[in-house]
Every structure is written in C-alpha cells, then in structure tokens.
Amino acid sequence: MKNAVFRIEGLRCDGCASAVKVLLDKEPGVKAVSVSFTSGEARILYDPIIVTEERLAATIERPGYRVATRQ
C-alpha cells in the first residue's frame, strides 16, 4: 500500500470534496480516501500495483478540478 496527498485547486465547498471522494472511492485499488475542502487536499491510500498516481490525478481532474501538487 502507498499513501499519496494531492493538493486540489477548484474545490469550492464540502459538496465538491464529497464528489471527488466518491469518484476516487470507485477507482480499483483505492483502499481509503479523505478529501477536505478546508485544506484543499485529497489523502489516498492505494495499491500501486493496481492504480497509478497519474490515474488518481486524472480522476480528480475529470470533473474540472486541478491537481496542483502531489506528495
């Protein structure tokens, strides 16, 4: 398992954060997700054999948000 933190631009409310969480929860290999509107971050525990950070970033950006940084 691997942890990743994505800084997300464009989250305007808790509903936005919830929408991103739902999308990430549906990705194969994702074990746990928390998305915070307040901090503008998504923290993801995932299996790197099943899903890549690039795929996770694309999932976050699909509804129009932007990944500013990854850790």
PDB file of N, CA and C in Angstrom:
ATOM      1  N   MET A   1       0.833  -1.181   0.000  1.00  0.00           N
ATOM      2  CA  MET A   1       0.000   0.000   0.000  1.00  0.00           C
ATOM      3  C   MET A   1       0.880   1.247   0.000  1.00  0.00           C
ATOM      4  N   LYS A   2       0.352   2.290  -0.571  1.00  0.00           N
ATOM      5  CA  LYS A   2       1.078   3.546  -0.659  1.00  0.00           C
ATOM      6  C   LYS A   2       0.121   4.687  -0.334  1.00  0.00           C
ATOM      7  N   ASN A   3       0.654   5.737   0.279  1.00  0.00           N
ATOM      8  CA  ASN A   3      -0.128   6.935   0.575  1.00  0.00           C
ATOM      9  C   ASN A   3       0.250   8.035  -0.402  1.00  0.00           C
ATOM     10  N   ALA A   4      -0.741   8.826  -0.804  1.00  0.00           N
ATOM     11  CA  ALA A   4      -0.490   9.992  -1.646  1.00  0.00           C
ATOM     12  C   ALA A   4      -1.348  11.138  -1.142  1.00  0.00           C
ATOM     13  N   VAL A   5      -0.803  12.341  -1.261  1.00  0.00           N
ATOM     14  CA  VAL A   5      -1.552  13.553  -0.916  1.00  0.00           C
ATOM     15  C   VAL A   5      -1.553  14.434  -2.159  1.00  0.00           C
ATOM     16  N   PHE A   6      -2.750  14.791  -2.599  1.00  0.00           N
ATOM     17  CA  PHE A   6      -2.924  15.651  -3.759  1.00  0.00           C
ATOM     18  C   PHE A   6      -3.490  16.986  -3.302  1.00  0.00           C
ATOM     19  N   ARG A   7      -2.857  18.068  -3.676  1.00  0.00           N
ATOM     20  CA  ARG A   7      -3.378  19.420  -3.423  1.00  0.00           C
ATOM     21  C   ARG A   7      -4.271  19.753  -4.613  1.00  0.00           C
ATOM     22  N   ILE A   8      -5.537  20.086  -4.336  1.00  0.00           N
ATOM     23  CA  ILE A   8      -6.525  20.273  -5.392  1.00  0.00           C
ATOM     24  C   ILE A   8      -6.972  21.733  -5.447  1.00  0.00           C
ATOM     25  N   GLU A   9      -6.934  22.294  -6.641  1.00  0.00           N
ATOM     26  CA  GLU A   9      -7.449  23.646  -6.853  1.00  0.00           C
ATOM     27  C   GLU A   9      -8.855  23.543  -7.442  1.00  0.00           C
ATOM     28  N   GLY A  10      -9.730  24.427  -6.997  1.00  0.00           N
ATOM     29  CA  GLY A  10     -11.077  24.477  -7.547  1.00  0.00           C
ATOM     30  C   GLY A  10     -12.160  23.927  -6.641  1.00  0.00           C
ATOM     31  N   LEU A  11     -11.789  23.350  -5.506  1.00  0.00           N
ATOM     32  CA  LEU A  11     -12.814  22.890  -4.560  1.00  0.00           C
ATOM     33  C   LEU A  11     -13.459  24.125  -3.932  1.00  0.00           C
ATOM     34  N   ARG A  12     -14.759  24.280  -4.120  1.00  0.00           N
ATOM     35  CA  ARG A  12     -15.440  25.470  -3.615  1.00  0.00           C
ATOM     36  C   ARG A  12     -16.314  25.209  -2.390  1.00  0.00           C
ATOM     37  N   CYS A  13     -16.544  23.927  -2.082  1.00  0.00           N
ATOM     38  CA  CYS A  13     -17.418  23.623  -0.940  1.00  0.00           C
ATOM     39  C   CYS A  13     -17.226  22.162  -0.528  1.00  0.00           C
ATOM     40  N   ASP A  14     -17.891  21.782   0.557  1.00  0.00           N
ATOM     41  CA  ASP A  14     -17.823  20.391   1.018  1.00  0.00           C
ATOM     42  C   ASP A  14     -18.455  19.446  -0.002  1.00  0.00           C
ATOM     43  N   GLY A  15     -19.440  19.938  -0.759  1.00  0.00           N
ATOM     44  CA  GLY A  15     -20.053  19.108  -1.798  1.00  0.00           C
ATOM     45  C   GLY A  15     -19.049  18.738  -2.882  1.00  0.00           C
ATOM     46  N   CYS A  16     -18.185  19.679  -3.230  1.00  0.00           N
ATOM     47  CA  CYS A  16     -17.121  19.411  -4.213  1.00  0.00           C
ATOM     48  C   CYS A  16     -16.190  18.324  -3.682  1.00  0.00           C
ATOM     49  N   ALA A  17     -15.797  18.457  -2.432  1.00  0.00           N
ATOM     50  CA  ALA A  17     -14.910  17.478  -1.818  1.00  0.00           C
ATOM     51  C   ALA A  17     -15.579  16.106  -1.782  1.00  0.00           C
ATOM     52  N   SER A  18     -16.851  16.062  -1.471  1.00  0.00           N
ATOM     53  CA  SER A  18     -17.585  14.792  -1.437  1.00  0.00           C
ATOM     54  C   SER A  18     -17.650  14.160  -2.828  1.00  0.00           C
ATOM     55  N   ALA A  19     -17.851  14.975  -3.849  1.00  0.00           N
ATOM     56  CA  ALA A  19     -17.916  14.459  -5.222  1.00  0.00           C
ATOM     57  C   ALA A  19     -16.585  13.824  -5.627  1.00  0.00           C
ATOM     58  N   VAL A  20     -15.474  14.473  -5.285  1.00  0.00           N
ATOM     59  CA  VAL A  20     -14.152  13.926  -5.596  1.00  0.00           C
ATOM     60  C   VAL A  20     -13.935  12.624  -4.828  1.00  0.00           C
ATOM     61  N   LYS A  21     -14.350  12.582  -3.574  1.00  0.00           N
ATOM     62  CA  LYS A  21     -14.193  11.369  -2.762  1.00  0.00           C
ATOM     63  C   LYS A  21     -14.947  10.199  -3.389  1.00  0.00           C
ATOM     64  N   VAL A  22     -16.168  10.444  -3.837  1.00  0.00           N
ATOM     65  CA  VAL A  22     -16.965   9.380  -4.457  1.00  0.00           C
ATOM     66  C   VAL A  22     -16.257   8.834  -5.695  1.00  0.00           C
ATOM     67  N   LEU A  23     -15.734   9.722  -6.530  1.00  0.00           N
ATOM     68  CA  LEU A  23     -15.021   9.279  -7.733  1.00  0.00           C
ATOM     69  C   LEU A  23     -13.789   8.445  -7.383  1.00  0.00           C
ATOM     70  N   LEU A  24     -13.015   8.905  -6.402  1.00  0.00           N
ATOM     71  CA  LEU A  24     -11.805   8.181  -6.013  1.00  0.00           C
ATOM     72  C   LEU A  24     -12.129   6.836  -5.366  1.00  0.00           C
ATOM     73  N   ASP A  25     -13.197   6.793  -4.568  1.00  0.00           N
ATOM     74  CA  ASP A  25     -13.604   5.529  -3.932  1.00  0.00           C
ATOM     75  C   ASP A  25     -13.933   4.458  -4.968  1.00  0.00           C
ATOM     76  N   LYS A  26     -14.372   4.861  -6.160  1.00  0.00           N
ATOM     77  CA  LYS A  26     -14.749   3.915  -7.214  1.00  0.00           C
ATOM     78  C   LYS A  26     -13.547   3.358  -7.970  1.00  0.00           C
ATOM     79  N   GLU A  27     -12.375   3.974  -7.812  1.00  0.00           N
ATOM     80  CA  GLU A  27     -11.187   3.508  -8.535  1.00  0.00           C
ATOM     81  C   GLU A  27     -10.688   2.185  -7.957  1.00  0.00           C
ATOM     82  N   PRO A  28     -10.439   1.194  -8.822  1.00  0.00           N
ATOM     83  CA  PRO A  28      -9.874  -0.064  -8.339  1.00  0.00           C
ATOM     84  C   PRO A  28      -8.517   0.195  -7.679  1.00  0.00           C
ATOM     85  N   GLY A  29      -8.274  -0.463  -6.584  1.00  0.00           N
ATOM     86  CA  GLY A  29      -7.002  -0.331  -5.890  1.00  0.00           C
ATOM     87  C   GLY A  29      -6.983   0.723  -4.801  1.00  0.00           C
ATOM     88  N   VAL A  30      -8.009   1.566  -4.753  1.00  0.00           N
ATOM     89  CA  VAL A  30      -8.082   2.595  -3.710  1.00  0.00           C
ATOM     90  C   VAL A  30      -8.691   1.951  -2.469  1.00  0.00           C
ATOM     91  N   LYS A  31      -7.970   2.048  -1.354  1.00  0.00           N
ATOM     92  CA  LYS A  31      -8.417   1.418  -0.109  1.00  0.00           C
ATOM     93  C   LYS A  31      -9.075   2.406   0.846  1.00  0.00           C
ATOM     94  N   ALA A  32      -8.603   3.666   0.857  1.00  0.00           N
ATOM     95  CA  ALA A  32      -9.173   4.683   1.749  1.00  0.00           C
ATOM     96  C   ALA A  32      -8.936   6.056   1.134  1.00  0.00           C
ATOM     97  N   VAL A  33      -9.924   6.941   1.321  1.00  0.00           N
ATOM     98  CA  VAL A  33      -9.840   8.295   0.775  1.00  0.00           C
ATOM     99  C   VAL A  33     -10.423   9.279   1.775  1.00  0.00           C
ATOM    100  N   SER A  34      -9.747  10.414   1.930  1.00  0.00           N
ATOM    101  CA  SER A  34     -10.364  11.545   2.616  1.00  0.00           C
ATOM    102  C   SER A  34     -10.053  12.775   1.777  1.00  0.00           C
ATOM    103  N   VAL A  35     -11.084  13.591   1.553  1.00  0.00           N
ATOM    104  CA  VAL A  35     -10.942  14.814   0.772  1.00  0.00           C
ATOM    105  C   VAL A  35     -11.471  15.951   1.632  1.00  0.00           C
ATOM    106  N   SER A  36     -10.667  16.992   1.791  1.00  0.00           N
ATOM    107  CA  SER A  36     -11.042  18.116   2.644  1.00  0.00           C
ATOM    108  C   SER A  36     -11.138  19.399   1.825  1.00  0.00           C
ATOM    109  N   PHE A  37     -12.301  20.012   1.858  1.00  0.00           N
ATOM    110  CA  PHE A  37     -12.480  21.315   1.226  1.00  0.00           C
ATOM    111  C   PHE A  37     -11.628  22.353   1.948  1.00  0.00           C
ATOM    112  N   THR A  38     -11.588  22.282   3.272  1.00  0.00           N
ATOM    113  CA  THR A  38     -10.855  23.253   4.088  1.00  0.00           C
ATOM    114  C   THR A  38      -9.371  23.293   3.743  1.00  0.00           C
ATOM    115  N   SER A  39      -8.744  22.122   3.642  1.00  0.00           N
ATOM    116  CA  SER A  39      -7.306  22.080   3.342  1.00  0.00           C
ATOM    117  C   SER A  39      -7.039  22.018   1.841  1.00  0.00           C
ATOM    118  N   GLY A  40      -8.064  21.676   1.058  1.00  0.00           N
ATOM    119  CA  GLY A  40      -7.878  21.544  -0.381  1.00  0.00           C
ATOM    120  C   GLY A  40      -7.037  20.339  -0.759  1.00  0.00           C
ATOM    121  N   GLU A  41      -7.138  19.289   0.054  1.00  0.00           N
ATOM    122  CA  GLU A  41      -6.310  18.111  -0.165  1.00  0.00           C
ATOM    123  C   GLU A  41      -7.127  16.826  -0.220  1.00  0.00           C
ATOM    124  N   ALA A  42      -6.606  15.890  -1.009  1.00  0.00           N
ATOM    125  CA  ALA A  42      -7.113  14.519  -1.015  1.00  0.00           C
ATOM    126  C   ALA A  42      -5.989  13.632  -0.501  1.00  0.00           C
ATOM    127  N   ARG A  43      -6.290  12.818   0.491  1.00  0.00           N
ATOM    128  CA  ARG A  43      -5.328  11.850   1.025  1.00  0.00           C
ATOM    129  C   ARG A  43      -5.853  10.464   0.640  1.00  0.00           C
ATOM    130  N   ILE A  44      -4.988   9.713  -0.033  1.00  0.00           N
ATOM    131  CA  ILE A  44      -5.431   8.453  -0.619  1.00  0.00           C
ATOM    132  C   ILE A  44      -4.469   7.335  -0.233  1.00  0.00           C
ATOM    133  N   LEU A  45      -5.039   6.234   0.237  1.00  0.00           N
ATOM    134  CA  LEU A  45      -4.289   5.007   0.471  1.00  0.00           C
ATOM    135  C   LEU A  45      -4.666   4.067  -0.674  1.00  0.00           C
ATOM    136  N   TYR A  46      -3.658   3.622  -1.433  1.00  0.00           N
ATOM    137  CA  TYR A  46      -3.951   2.826  -2.618  1.00  0.00           C
ATOM    138  C   TYR A  46      -2.881   1.769  -2.863  1.00  0.00           C
ATOM    139  N   ASP A  47      -3.240   0.818  -3.712  1.00  0.00           N
ATOM    140  CA  ASP A  47      -2.316  -0.243  -4.104  1.00  0.00           C
ATOM    141  C   ASP A  47      -1.671   0.172  -5.428  1.00  0.00           C
ATOM    142  N   PRO A  48      -0.360   0.475  -5.436  1.00  0.00           N
ATOM    143  CA  PRO A  48       0.290   0.948  -6.657  1.00  0.00           C
ATOM    144  C   PRO A  48       0.413  -0.115  -7.750  1.00  0.00           C
ATOM    145  N   ILE A  49       0.154  -1.358  -7.419  1.00  0.00           N
ATOM    146  CA  ILE A  49       0.152  -2.409  -8.440  1.00  0.00           C
ATOM    147  C   ILE A  49      -1.125  -2.324  -9.282  1.00  0.00           C
ATOM    148  N   ILE A  50      -2.194  -1.812  -8.673  1.00  0.00           N
ATOM    149  CA  ILE A  50      -3.495  -1.761  -9.344  1.00  0.00           C
ATOM    150  C   ILE A  50      -3.764  -0.405  -9.984  1.00  0.00           C
ATOM    151  N   VAL A  51      -3.384   0.671  -9.319  1.00  0.00           N
ATOM    152  CA  VAL A  51      -3.693   2.012  -9.823  1.00  0.00           C
ATOM    153  C   VAL A  51      -2.474   2.924  -9.640  1.00  0.00           C
ATOM    154  N   THR A  52      -2.269   3.828 -10.591  1.00  0.00           N
ATOM    155  CA  THR A  52      -1.129   4.747 -10.537  1.00  0.00           C
ATOM    156  C   THR A  52      -1.563   6.115 -10.013  1.00  0.00           C
ATOM    157  N   GLU A  53      -0.576   6.895  -9.578  1.00  0.00           N
ATOM    158  CA  GLU A  53      -0.873   8.266  -9.155  1.00  0.00           C
ATOM    159  C   GLU A  53      -1.384   9.089 -10.327  1.00  0.00           C
ATOM    160  N   GLU A  54      -0.915   8.809 -11.527  1.00  0.00           N
ATOM    161  CA  GLU A  54      -1.385   9.525 -12.710  1.00  0.00           C
ATOM    162  C   GLU A  54      -2.874   9.272 -12.934  1.00  0.00           C
ATOM    163  N   ARG A  55      -3.293   8.044 -12.728  1.00  0.00           N
ATOM    164  CA  ARG A  55      -4.715   7.702 -12.882  1.00  0.00           C
ATOM    165  C   ARG A  55      -5.547   8.397 -11.804  1.00  0.00           C
ATOM    166  N   LEU A  56      -5.040   8.431 -10.571  1.00  0.00           N
ATOM    167  CA  LEU A  56      -5.746   9.117  -9.490  1.00  0.00           C
ATOM    168  C   LEU A  56      -5.872  10.608  -9.796  1.00  0.00           C
ATOM    169  N   ALA A  57      -4.795  11.217 -10.295  1.00  0.00           N
ATOM    170  CA  ALA A  57      -4.830  12.639 -10.656  1.00  0.00           C
ATOM    171  C   ALA A  57      -5.849  12.882 -11.764  1.00  0.00           C
ATOM    172  N   ALA A  58      -5.889  12.000 -12.752  1.00  0.00           N
ATOM    173  CA  ALA A  58      -6.856  12.143 -13.841  1.00  0.00           C
ATOM    174  C   ALA A  58      -8.286  12.033 -13.323  1.00  0.00           C
ATOM    175  N   THR A  59      -8.506  11.165 -12.353  1.00  0.00           N
ATOM    176  CA  THR A  59      -9.839  11.018 -11.755  1.00  0.00           C
ATOM    177  C   THR A  59     -10.247  12.301 -11.042  1.00  0.00           C
ATOM    178  N   ILE A  60      -9.320  12.914 -10.331  1.00  0.00           N
ATOM    179  CA  ILE A  60      -9.603  14.176  -9.637  1.00  0.00           C
ATOM    180  C   ILE A  60      -9.907  15.280 -10.642  1.00  0.00           C
ATOM    181  N   GLU A  61      -9.186  15.292 -11.754  1.00  0.00           N
ATOM    182  CA  GLU A  61      -9.335  16.375 -12.733  1.00  0.00           C
ATOM    183  C   GLU A  61     -10.514  16.181 -13.675  1.00  0.00           C
ATOM    184  N   ARG A  62     -11.064  14.981 -13.751  1.00  0.00           N
ATOM    185  CA  ARG A  62     -12.175  14.691 -14.660  1.00  0.00           C
ATOM    186  C   ARG A  62     -13.350  15.669 -14.509  1.00  0.00           C
ATOM    187  N   PRO A  63     -13.810  15.991 -13.289  1.00  0.00           N
ATOM    188  CA  PRO A  63     -14.943  16.926 -13.180  1.00  0.00           C
ATOM    189  C   PRO A  63     -14.546  18.398 -13.261  1.00  0.00           C
ATOM    190  N   GLY A  64     -13.269  18.692 -13.531  1.00  0.00           N
ATOM    191  CA  GLY A  64     -12.868  20.083 -13.737  1.00  0.00           C
ATOM    192  C   GLY A  64     -11.966  20.682 -12.676  1.00  0.00           C
ATOM    193  N   TYR A  65     -11.568  19.899 -11.696  1.00  0.00           N
ATOM    194  CA  TYR A  65     -10.632  20.390 -10.681  1.00  0.00           C
ATOM    195  C   TYR A  65      -9.217  20.244 -11.220  1.00  0.00           C
ATOM    196  N   ARG A  66      -8.259  20.835 -10.538  1.00  0.00           N
ATOM    197  CA  ARG A  66      -6.867  20.748 -10.988  1.00  0.00           C
ATOM    198  C   ARG A  66      -5.989  20.275  -9.842  1.00  0.00           C
ATOM    199  N   VAL A  67      -5.159  19.283 -10.123  1.00  0.00           N
ATOM    200  CA  VAL A  67      -4.173  18.823  -9.138  1.00  0.00           C
ATOM    201  C   VAL A  67      -2.989  19.776  -9.217  1.00  0.00           C
ATOM    202  N   ALA A  68      -2.753  20.511  -8.142  1.00  0.00           N
ATOM    203  CA  ALA A  68      -1.658  21.492  -8.103  1.00  0.00           C
ATOM    204  C   ALA A  68      -0.344  20.819  -7.751  1.00  0.00           C
ATOM    205  N   THR A  69      -0.366  19.936  -6.760  1.00  0.00           N
ATOM    206  CA  THR A  69       0.847  19.228  -6.339  1.00  0.00           C
ATOM    207  C   THR A  69       0.466  17.825  -5.880  1.00  0.00           C
ATOM    208  N   ARG A  70       1.484  16.954  -5.885  1.00  0.00           N
ATOM    209  CA  ARG A  70       1.353  15.585  -5.369  1.00  0.00           C
ATOM    210  C   ARG A  70       2.489  15.328  -4.403  1.00  0.00           C
ATOM    211  N   GLN A  71       2.204  14.599  -3.345  1.00  0.00           N
ATOM    212  CA  GLN A  71       3.251  14.189  -2.400  1.00  0.00           C
ATOM    213  C   GLN A  71       3.188  12.694  -2.205  1.00  0.00           C
TER     214      GLN A  71
END
